[in-house]
Protein backbone atom coordinates (compact mmCIF):
# COMPACT_ATOMS: atom_id res chain seq x y z
CA MET A 1 243.82 76.02 112.83
CA PRO A 2 241.47 78.03 110.57
CA ASP A 3 242.80 81.25 109.09
CA ILE A 4 240.99 84.58 109.29
CA TYR A 5 240.45 86.67 106.17
CA ALA A 6 238.96 90.14 105.84
CA LEU A 7 236.63 91.21 103.06
CA ILE A 8 235.71 94.86 102.46
CA PRO A 9 232.78 95.49 100.08
CA ALA A 10 233.59 98.83 98.43
CA ALA A 11 231.53 98.88 95.25
CA GLY A 12 228.84 101.33 96.37
CA SER A 13 228.30 104.83 95.08
CA GLY A 14 227.58 106.45 98.44
CA SER A 15 224.78 108.51 96.92
CA ARG A 16 223.53 109.79 100.29
CA MET A 17 226.76 111.76 100.68
CA GLY A 18 225.84 113.88 97.66
CA ALA A 19 229.41 114.00 96.34
CA GLU A 20 230.87 113.55 92.86
CA ILE A 21 233.05 110.59 93.82
CA PRO A 22 232.02 107.45 95.76
CA LYS A 23 231.98 107.85 99.51
CA GLN A 24 234.84 105.43 100.13
CA TYR A 25 237.22 107.70 98.21
CA GLN A 26 236.33 110.99 99.86
CA MET A 27 239.06 112.47 102.03
CA LEU A 28 238.99 111.92 105.77
CA ALA A 29 241.82 113.17 107.98
CA GLY A 30 244.02 113.64 104.92
CA GLU A 31 243.43 110.21 103.38
CA PRO A 32 240.73 108.44 101.35
CA LEU A 33 238.06 107.06 103.69
CA ILE A 34 238.65 103.44 102.66
CA ARG A 35 242.32 103.63 103.53
CA HIS A 36 241.64 103.82 107.27
CA ALA A 37 239.77 100.50 107.36
CA VAL A 38 242.28 98.79 105.05
CA ARG A 39 245.23 99.93 107.17
CA VAL A 40 243.86 98.54 110.44
CA LEU A 41 242.95 95.17 108.94
CA CYS A 42 246.20 94.78 106.99
CA ALA A 43 248.23 95.64 110.10
CA HIS A 44 246.53 93.07 112.29
CA ALA A 45 248.69 90.00 112.84
CA ARG A 46 245.72 87.63 113.13
CA VAL A 47 244.27 88.57 109.73
CA ALA A 48 245.87 86.47 106.99
CA GLN A 49 244.84 88.64 104.01
CA VAL A 50 242.50 91.47 103.12
CA PHE A 51 240.27 91.41 100.02
CA VAL A 52 238.57 94.56 98.73
CA VAL A 53 235.57 94.14 96.41
CA LEU A 54 235.34 96.96 93.86
CA ALA A 55 232.88 97.94 91.15
CA PRO A 56 234.00 96.62 87.74
CA GLY A 57 234.47 100.15 86.41
CA ASP A 58 236.23 101.55 89.48
CA THR A 59 239.12 103.85 88.52
CA HIS A 60 239.79 105.42 91.93
CA PHE A 61 241.27 102.51 93.87
CA ARG A 62 244.38 102.17 91.69
CA GLN A 63 245.16 105.87 92.11
CA ILE A 64 245.91 105.30 95.80
CA ASP A 65 249.35 104.12 96.89
CA TRP A 66 248.80 100.72 98.49
CA SER A 67 252.46 99.64 98.41
CA ALA A 68 252.68 99.55 102.20
CA HIS A 69 250.29 96.58 102.16
CA LYS A 70 251.93 94.60 99.37
CA GLY A 71 251.27 90.89 99.81
CA ARG A 72 248.51 91.57 102.34
CA LEU A 73 245.93 93.31 100.14
CA GLU A 74 244.13 92.03 97.05
CA HIS A 75 241.48 93.87 95.06
CA LEU A 76 238.65 92.14 93.24
CA TYR A 77 236.69 93.92 90.49
CA CYS A 78 233.49 91.95 90.98
CA GLY A 79 231.18 94.25 92.92
CA GLY A 80 227.43 93.83 92.50
CA ALA A 81 224.37 96.07 92.61
CA THR A 82 223.91 95.55 96.37
CA ARG A 83 226.15 94.99 99.35
CA ALA A 84 225.01 91.38 99.59
CA ALA A 85 225.81 90.79 95.92
CA SER A 86 229.27 92.33 96.35
CA VAL A 87 230.05 90.16 99.36
CA LEU A 88 228.78 87.03 97.60
CA ASN A 89 230.79 87.81 94.46
CA GLY A 90 233.84 88.50 96.59
CA LEU A 91 233.50 85.21 98.44
CA MET A 92 233.33 83.31 95.16
CA ALA A 93 236.32 85.21 93.76
CA MET A 94 238.48 84.37 96.77
CA ALA A 95 237.49 80.69 96.80
CA ASP A 96 240.92 79.42 95.75
CA ALA A 97 242.62 81.24 98.64
CA VAL A 98 240.49 79.99 101.53
CA GLU A 99 239.34 76.76 103.12
CA PRO A 100 235.67 76.04 103.87
CA ASP A 101 236.13 76.41 107.64
CA ASP A 102 238.28 79.55 107.51
CA TRP A 103 236.77 82.68 109.00
CA VAL A 104 235.75 85.64 106.86
CA MET A 105 235.52 89.00 108.60
CA VAL A 106 233.36 91.39 106.54
CA HIS A 107 233.91 95.07 107.30
CA ASP A 108 232.37 98.26 105.94
CA ALA A 109 234.68 100.46 103.89
CA ALA A 110 232.86 103.40 105.48
CA ARG A 111 233.76 102.42 109.07
CA PRO A 112 237.15 104.10 109.41
CA CYS A 113 237.48 104.01 113.20
CA LEU A 114 237.90 100.25 113.69
CA THR A 115 240.67 99.38 116.13
CA GLY A 116 242.91 96.39 116.62
CA GLU A 117 241.40 95.97 120.07
CA LEU A 118 237.92 95.53 118.61
CA ILE A 119 239.22 93.02 116.08
CA ASP A 120 240.82 91.00 118.88
CA ARG A 121 237.63 91.16 120.94
CA LEU A 122 235.59 89.77 118.06
CA ILE A 123 238.07 87.01 117.22
CA ASP A 124 238.44 85.93 120.86
CA ALA A 125 234.69 85.88 121.44
CA LEU A 126 234.00 83.73 118.37
CA ALA A 127 236.99 81.39 118.49
CA ASP A 128 234.87 78.37 119.50
CA ASP A 129 231.50 79.61 118.31
CA LYS A 130 229.52 77.30 116.03
CA VAL A 131 227.77 80.13 114.17
CA GLY A 132 229.87 83.30 114.24
CA GLY A 133 228.82 86.81 115.10
CA LEU A 134 229.33 90.53 114.88
CA LEU A 135 230.26 93.65 116.77
CA ALA A 136 227.21 95.53 118.01
CA VAL A 137 226.15 98.00 120.70
CA PRO A 138 222.94 98.08 122.77
CA VAL A 139 220.45 100.71 121.60
CA ALA A 140 220.52 103.65 123.99
CA ASP A 141 218.00 106.03 122.41
CA THR A 142 214.22 105.87 122.52
CA LEU A 143 212.98 104.47 119.21
CA LYS A 144 209.85 105.63 117.39
CA ARG A 145 208.04 103.84 114.57
CA ALA A 146 206.56 106.27 112.02
CA ASP A 147 203.19 105.94 110.31
CA GLY A 148 204.40 107.01 106.85
CA HIS A 149 203.22 110.60 107.33
CA ASP A 150 205.95 111.80 109.69
CA ARG A 151 203.82 111.02 112.72
CA ILE A 152 204.65 108.60 115.51
CA ALA A 153 202.77 105.33 115.24
CA ALA A 154 204.39 103.68 118.26
CA THR A 155 207.28 103.77 120.67
CA VAL A 156 209.43 100.68 120.25
CA PRO A 157 210.78 99.12 123.49
CA ARG A 158 214.56 99.21 123.32
CA GLU A 159 215.16 96.29 125.69
CA ASN A 160 217.29 93.63 123.98
CA LEU A 161 217.73 95.82 120.88
CA TRP A 162 221.26 96.15 119.51
CA GLN A 163 222.69 98.25 116.70
CA ALA A 164 224.74 96.10 114.33
CA GLN A 165 228.26 97.13 113.39
CA THR A 166 231.09 95.50 111.48
CA PRO A 167 233.21 93.46 111.28
CA GLN A 168 230.84 90.52 111.07
CA MET A 169 232.66 87.18 111.13
CA PHE A 170 231.47 83.80 109.90
CA ARG A 171 232.92 80.61 108.43
CA TYR A 172 233.55 80.89 104.71
CA ARG A 173 231.35 77.96 103.69
CA LEU A 174 228.47 78.96 105.98
CA LEU A 175 228.45 82.59 104.83
CA LEU A 176 228.65 81.61 101.17
CA GLU A 177 225.71 79.22 101.55
CA ALA A 178 223.68 81.77 103.52
CA LEU A 179 224.10 84.52 100.95
CA ARG A 180 223.21 82.16 98.13
CA LYS A 181 219.97 81.06 99.80
CA ALA A 182 218.66 84.21 101.47
CA PRO A 183 216.15 86.42 99.60
CA ALA A 184 218.11 89.43 98.40
CA HIS A 185 215.58 91.96 99.73
CA LYS A 186 215.94 90.57 103.26
CA VAL A 187 219.74 90.72 103.44
CA THR A 188 220.81 93.99 105.03
CA ASP A 189 224.03 92.58 106.46
CA GLU A 190 225.82 89.23 106.68
CA ALA A 191 224.18 88.36 110.00
CA SER A 192 220.70 88.67 108.47
CA ALA A 193 221.62 86.08 105.85
CA ILE A 194 222.82 83.73 108.60
CA GLU A 195 219.60 84.36 110.53
CA HIS A 196 217.59 83.35 107.46
CA MET A 197 219.10 79.87 107.86
CA GLY A 198 217.60 79.63 111.33
CA LEU A 199 220.87 80.34 113.14
CA ASN A 200 221.57 82.91 115.84
CA PRO A 201 224.79 84.92 115.41
CA ARG A 202 226.50 86.05 118.58
CA LEU A 203 226.48 89.70 119.58
CA VAL A 204 229.92 90.93 120.68
CA MET A 205 230.12 94.26 122.45
CA GLY A 206 231.46 96.88 120.07
CA ASN A 207 232.11 100.56 120.60
CA THR A 208 230.08 103.63 119.64
CA GLY A 209 233.27 105.09 118.21
CA ASN A 210 233.21 102.42 115.49
CA LEU A 211 230.79 104.58 113.55
CA LYS A 212 229.70 104.30 109.93
CA VAL A 213 229.98 107.30 107.62
CA THR A 214 226.59 107.66 105.92
CA TRP A 215 225.80 111.36 105.89
CA PRO A 216 228.14 114.36 105.29
CA GLU A 217 228.08 115.31 108.98
CA ASP A 218 229.41 111.85 109.88
CA MET A 219 232.76 112.81 108.35
CA ARG A 220 233.31 115.36 111.12
CA LEU A 221 232.44 112.82 113.79
CA ALA A 222 234.76 110.23 112.27
CA GLU A 223 237.63 112.68 112.02
CA ALA A 224 237.18 113.63 115.68
CA ALA A 225 237.14 109.94 116.68
CA LEU A 226 240.30 109.25 114.68
CA ARG A 227 242.03 112.23 116.28
CA ILE A 228 241.19 110.96 119.77
CA GLY A 229 242.41 107.47 118.90
CA ARG A 230 245.80 108.62 117.68
């Protein structure tokens, strides 16, 4: 039976947060942001191992005590200039540890509110899927397309629109091939690389609480969500 591995790209600078240290190392609920995602994935019995992709010059990761996850967590100093490059580099670096048909579950370091229940939901939904898929939620808000001058150009129908989340889970060999072939400027997440191959990833119902920290105000929302989940 194929194993399931997790890969967390964590080589970004998080410039939109406007802080002196990368976003993934800023404190959230008393711990570095990245630690929340790592803890949930390392604790999950169905995840064989967790790989974290870091920037080559990263000095923050080693300052955190990861001893609780010894044997379950491996860090790779091979991050690239983009998320797609970091994931691709990470996949190549972990090649000796995985089989071509093993699953790779890619998760954002800045999504600290992932739960074991959501991981199980994704794994169960994709167990026999030929392509793979991702957690996502239907778009609830009215969407506007701008004209480039802060004016509305059109209202976009929200029917059948979903907001992508992570984890996104695909077979190792398929994801590696997709990221190698897809034009870098068109890859905004792993699913988009798979789509470029003409395949249709499955949408698995996520949860709005599985939010991504992008802006400073998101830290307050994430902390509130973590408090409710405890």
